[in-house]
């Protein structure tokens, strides 16, 4: 039986538990949001031993992805904080890290988060 893309992504992520969402996406040549969709499809969850910051970054990115899939607009910082169980300042810090990593772009107004085309 041929292994699906989702299963290949999940297998690679399991072999590299400290890999960030961006590293997984880069390895497979897909966007981060596509990588997360495929990983969720395979029932993948990050291991408990993984780096806590990477886990939170991934949780914030996953929340943003799911929110934008369900709505026409991006979530606010408050919604990201509530949806991931972190403070607003932590949510902003994780959004800033994702922006610095080139995964998302953030506009000057509220709800102006979008995925970069090459991410």
C-alpha atoms as a PDB file:
ATOM      1  CA  UNK A   1       0.000   0.000   0.000  1.00  0.00           C
ATOM      2  CA  UNK A   2       1.330   3.435  -0.967  1.00  0.00           C
ATOM      3  CA  UNK A   3       2.139   5.755   1.928  1.00  0.00           C
ATOM      4  CA  UNK A   4       0.202   9.044   1.849  1.00  0.00           C
ATOM      5  CA  UNK A   5       1.840  12.455   2.050  1.00  0.00           C
ATOM      6  CA  UNK A   6       0.254  12.948   5.469  1.00  0.00           C
ATOM      7  CA  UNK A   7       1.778   9.680   6.707  1.00  0.00           C
ATOM      8  CA  UNK A   8       5.207  10.591   5.296  1.00  0.00           C
ATOM      9  CA  UNK A   9       5.069  13.981   7.032  1.00  0.00           C
ATOM     10  CA  UNK A  10       3.997  12.382  10.321  1.00  0.00           C
ATOM     11  CA  UNK A  11       6.753   9.747  10.118  1.00  0.00           C
ATOM     12  CA  UNK A  12       9.421  12.366   9.445  1.00  0.00           C
ATOM     13  CA  UNK A  13       8.104  14.620  12.234  1.00  0.00           C
ATOM     14  CA  UNK A  14       8.174  11.657  14.653  1.00  0.00           C
ATOM     15  CA  UNK A  15      11.818  10.996  13.739  1.00  0.00           C
ATOM     16  CA  UNK A  16      12.659  14.677  14.293  1.00  0.00           C
ATOM     17  CA  UNK A  17      10.706  15.629  17.452  1.00  0.00           C
ATOM     18  CA  UNK A  18      12.490  18.961  17.914  1.00  0.00           C
ATOM     19  CA  UNK A  19      11.853  20.135  14.344  1.00  0.00           C
ATOM     20  CA  UNK A  20       9.807  23.293  14.024  1.00  0.00           C
ATOM     21  CA  UNK A  21       6.793  23.540  11.761  1.00  0.00           C
ATOM     22  CA  UNK A  22       8.923  25.566   9.332  1.00  0.00           C
ATOM     23  CA  UNK A  23      11.625  22.886   9.216  1.00  0.00           C
ATOM     24  CA  UNK A  24       9.041  20.194   8.487  1.00  0.00           C
ATOM     25  CA  UNK A  25       7.512  22.332   5.733  1.00  0.00           C
ATOM     26  CA  UNK A  26      10.930  23.138   4.232  1.00  0.00           C
ATOM     27  CA  UNK A  27      11.947  19.477   4.165  1.00  0.00           C
ATOM     28  CA  UNK A  28       8.839  18.563   2.170  1.00  0.00           C
ATOM     29  CA  UNK A  29       8.748  21.723   0.068  1.00  0.00           C
ATOM     30  CA  UNK A  30       5.287  22.815   1.220  1.00  0.00           C
ATOM     31  CA  UNK A  31       3.914  25.754   3.161  1.00  0.00           C
ATOM     32  CA  UNK A  32       3.712  25.540   6.947  1.00  0.00           C
ATOM     33  CA  UNK A  33      -0.079  25.642   6.848  1.00  0.00           C
ATOM     34  CA  UNK A  34      -0.132  22.755   4.342  1.00  0.00           C
ATOM     35  CA  UNK A  35       2.272  20.769   6.519  1.00  0.00           C
ATOM     36  CA  UNK A  36       0.047  21.267   9.580  1.00  0.00           C
ATOM     37  CA  UNK A  37      -3.079  20.283   7.665  1.00  0.00           C
ATOM     38  CA  UNK A  38      -1.406  17.083   6.481  1.00  0.00           C
ATOM     39  CA  UNK A  39      -0.035  16.299   9.954  1.00  0.00           C
ATOM     40  CA  UNK A  40      -3.468  16.757  11.522  1.00  0.00           C
ATOM     41  CA  UNK A  41      -4.927  14.533   8.803  1.00  0.00           C
ATOM     42  CA  UNK A  42      -2.481  11.801   9.892  1.00  0.00           C
ATOM     43  CA  UNK A  43      -3.400  12.287  13.563  1.00  0.00           C
ATOM     44  CA  UNK A  44       0.085  13.545  14.450  1.00  0.00           C
ATOM     45  CA  UNK A  45       0.815  15.348  17.708  1.00  0.00           C
ATOM     46  CA  UNK A  46       4.169  16.713  18.847  1.00  0.00           C
ATOM     47  CA  UNK A  47       5.921  14.557  21.433  1.00  0.00           C
ATOM     48  CA  UNK A  48       6.121  15.648  25.083  1.00  0.00           C
ATOM     49  CA  UNK A  49       9.919  15.913  24.966  1.00  0.00           C
ATOM     50  CA  UNK A  50       9.936  18.575  22.264  1.00  0.00           C
ATOM     51  CA  UNK A  51      11.092  22.104  22.896  1.00  0.00           C
ATOM     52  CA  UNK A  52       8.384  24.066  24.741  1.00  0.00           C
ATOM     53  CA  UNK A  53       8.848  27.220  22.666  1.00  0.00           C
ATOM     54  CA  UNK A  54       8.587  25.251  19.424  1.00  0.00           C
ATOM     55  CA  UNK A  55       5.426  23.625  20.778  1.00  0.00           C
ATOM     56  CA  UNK A  56       3.879  26.993  21.604  1.00  0.00           C
ATOM     57  CA  UNK A  57       4.927  28.484  18.244  1.00  0.00           C
ATOM     58  CA  UNK A  58       3.367  25.494  16.518  1.00  0.00           C
ATOM     59  CA  UNK A  59       0.208  25.806  18.650  1.00  0.00           C
ATOM     60  CA  UNK A  60      -0.121  29.493  17.755  1.00  0.00           C
ATOM     61  CA  UNK A  61       0.497  28.747  14.074  1.00  0.00           C
ATOM     62  CA  UNK A  62      -1.994  25.888  14.144  1.00  0.00           C
ATOM     63  CA  UNK A  63      -4.608  28.108  15.818  1.00  0.00           C
ATOM     64  CA  UNK A  64      -4.081  30.853  13.220  1.00  0.00           C
ATOM     65  CA  UNK A  65      -4.332  28.297  10.392  1.00  0.00           C
ATOM     66  CA  UNK A  66      -7.525  26.731  11.729  1.00  0.00           C
ATOM     67  CA  UNK A  67      -9.085  30.117  12.521  1.00  0.00           C
ATOM     68  CA  UNK A  68      -8.363  31.446   9.030  1.00  0.00           C
ATOM     69  CA  UNK A  69      -9.716  28.237   7.470  1.00  0.00           C
ATOM     70  CA  UNK A  70     -12.985  28.727   9.386  1.00  0.00           C
ATOM     71  CA  UNK A  71     -13.296  32.514   8.986  1.00  0.00           C
ATOM     72  CA  UNK A  72     -12.660  35.091   6.306  1.00  0.00           C
ATOM     73  CA  UNK A  73     -10.359  37.112   8.548  1.00  0.00           C
ATOM     74  CA  UNK A  74      -7.356  36.540  10.781  1.00  0.00           C
ATOM     75  CA  UNK A  75      -7.676  36.150  14.559  1.00  0.00           C
ATOM     76  CA  UNK A  76      -6.897  39.002  16.912  1.00  0.00           C
ATOM     77  CA  UNK A  77      -4.087  38.688  19.458  1.00  0.00           C
ATOM     78  CA  UNK A  78      -6.743  38.282  22.151  1.00  0.00           C
ATOM     79  CA  UNK A  79      -8.337  35.395  20.240  1.00  0.00           C
ATOM     80  CA  UNK A  80      -4.952  33.745  19.712  1.00  0.00           C
ATOM     81  CA  UNK A  81      -4.244  34.034  23.442  1.00  0.00           C
ATOM     82  CA  UNK A  82      -7.637  32.604  24.405  1.00  0.00           C
ATOM     83  CA  UNK A  83      -7.471  29.868  21.773  1.00  0.00           C
ATOM     84  CA  UNK A  84      -4.032  28.646  22.827  1.00  0.00           C
ATOM     85  CA  UNK A  85      -4.265  29.227  26.580  1.00  0.00           C
ATOM     86  CA  UNK A  86      -1.470  31.789  26.804  1.00  0.00           C
ATOM     87  CA  UNK A  87      -1.332  35.456  27.784  1.00  0.00           C
ATOM     88  CA  UNK A  88      -1.815  38.259  25.245  1.00  0.00           C
ATOM     89  CA  UNK A  89       1.837  39.288  25.606  1.00  0.00           C
ATOM     90  CA  UNK A  90       2.961  35.701  24.969  1.00  0.00           C
ATOM     91  CA  UNK A  91       0.639  35.469  21.967  1.00  0.00           C
ATOM     92  CA  UNK A  92       2.171  38.659  20.555  1.00  0.00           C
ATOM     93  CA  UNK A  93       5.689  37.307  21.201  1.00  0.00           C
ATOM     94  CA  UNK A  94       4.904  34.085  19.310  1.00  0.00           C
ATOM     95  CA  UNK A  95       3.319  36.011  16.429  1.00  0.00           C
ATOM     96  CA  UNK A  96       6.473  38.162  16.321  1.00  0.00           C
ATOM     97  CA  UNK A  97       8.657  35.018  16.198  1.00  0.00           C
ATOM     98  CA  UNK A  98       6.578  33.608  13.357  1.00  0.00           C
ATOM     99  CA  UNK A  99       6.887  36.921  11.516  1.00  0.00           C
ATOM    100  CA  UNK A 100      10.658  37.001  12.087  1.00  0.00           C
ATOM    101  CA  UNK A 101      10.905  33.453  10.748  1.00  0.00           C
ATOM    102  CA  UNK A 102       9.190  34.617   7.555  1.00  0.00           C
ATOM    103  CA  UNK A 103       6.163  32.373   8.011  1.00  0.00           C
ATOM    104  CA  UNK A 104       3.548  35.108   8.368  1.00  0.00           C
ATOM    105  CA  UNK A 105       3.191  38.797   7.633  1.00  0.00           C
ATOM    106  CA  UNK A 106       1.540  41.146  10.112  1.00  0.00           C
ATOM    107  CA  UNK A 107      -0.009  44.448   9.057  1.00  0.00           C
ATOM    108  CA  UNK A 108      -0.223  47.583  11.200  1.00  0.00           C
ATOM    109  CA  UNK A 109      -3.910  47.081  12.062  1.00  0.00           C
ATOM    110  CA  UNK A 110      -5.725  44.388  14.027  1.00  0.00           C
ATOM    111  CA  UNK A 111      -6.460  41.107  12.190  1.00  0.00           C
ATOM    112  CA  UNK A 112      -3.858  41.710   9.500  1.00  0.00           C
ATOM    113  CA  UNK A 113      -2.052  38.384   9.721  1.00  0.00           C
ATOM    114  CA  UNK A 114      -1.506  36.458   6.509  1.00  0.00           C
ATOM    115  CA  UNK A 115       0.726  33.610   5.417  1.00  0.00           C
ATOM    116  CA  UNK A 116       3.671  34.531   3.248  1.00  0.00           C
ATOM    117  CA  UNK A 117       3.428  33.038  -0.222  1.00  0.00           C
ATOM    118  CA  UNK A 118       6.857  31.377  -0.036  1.00  0.00           C
ATOM    119  CA  UNK A 119       6.373  30.019   3.511  1.00  0.00           C
END
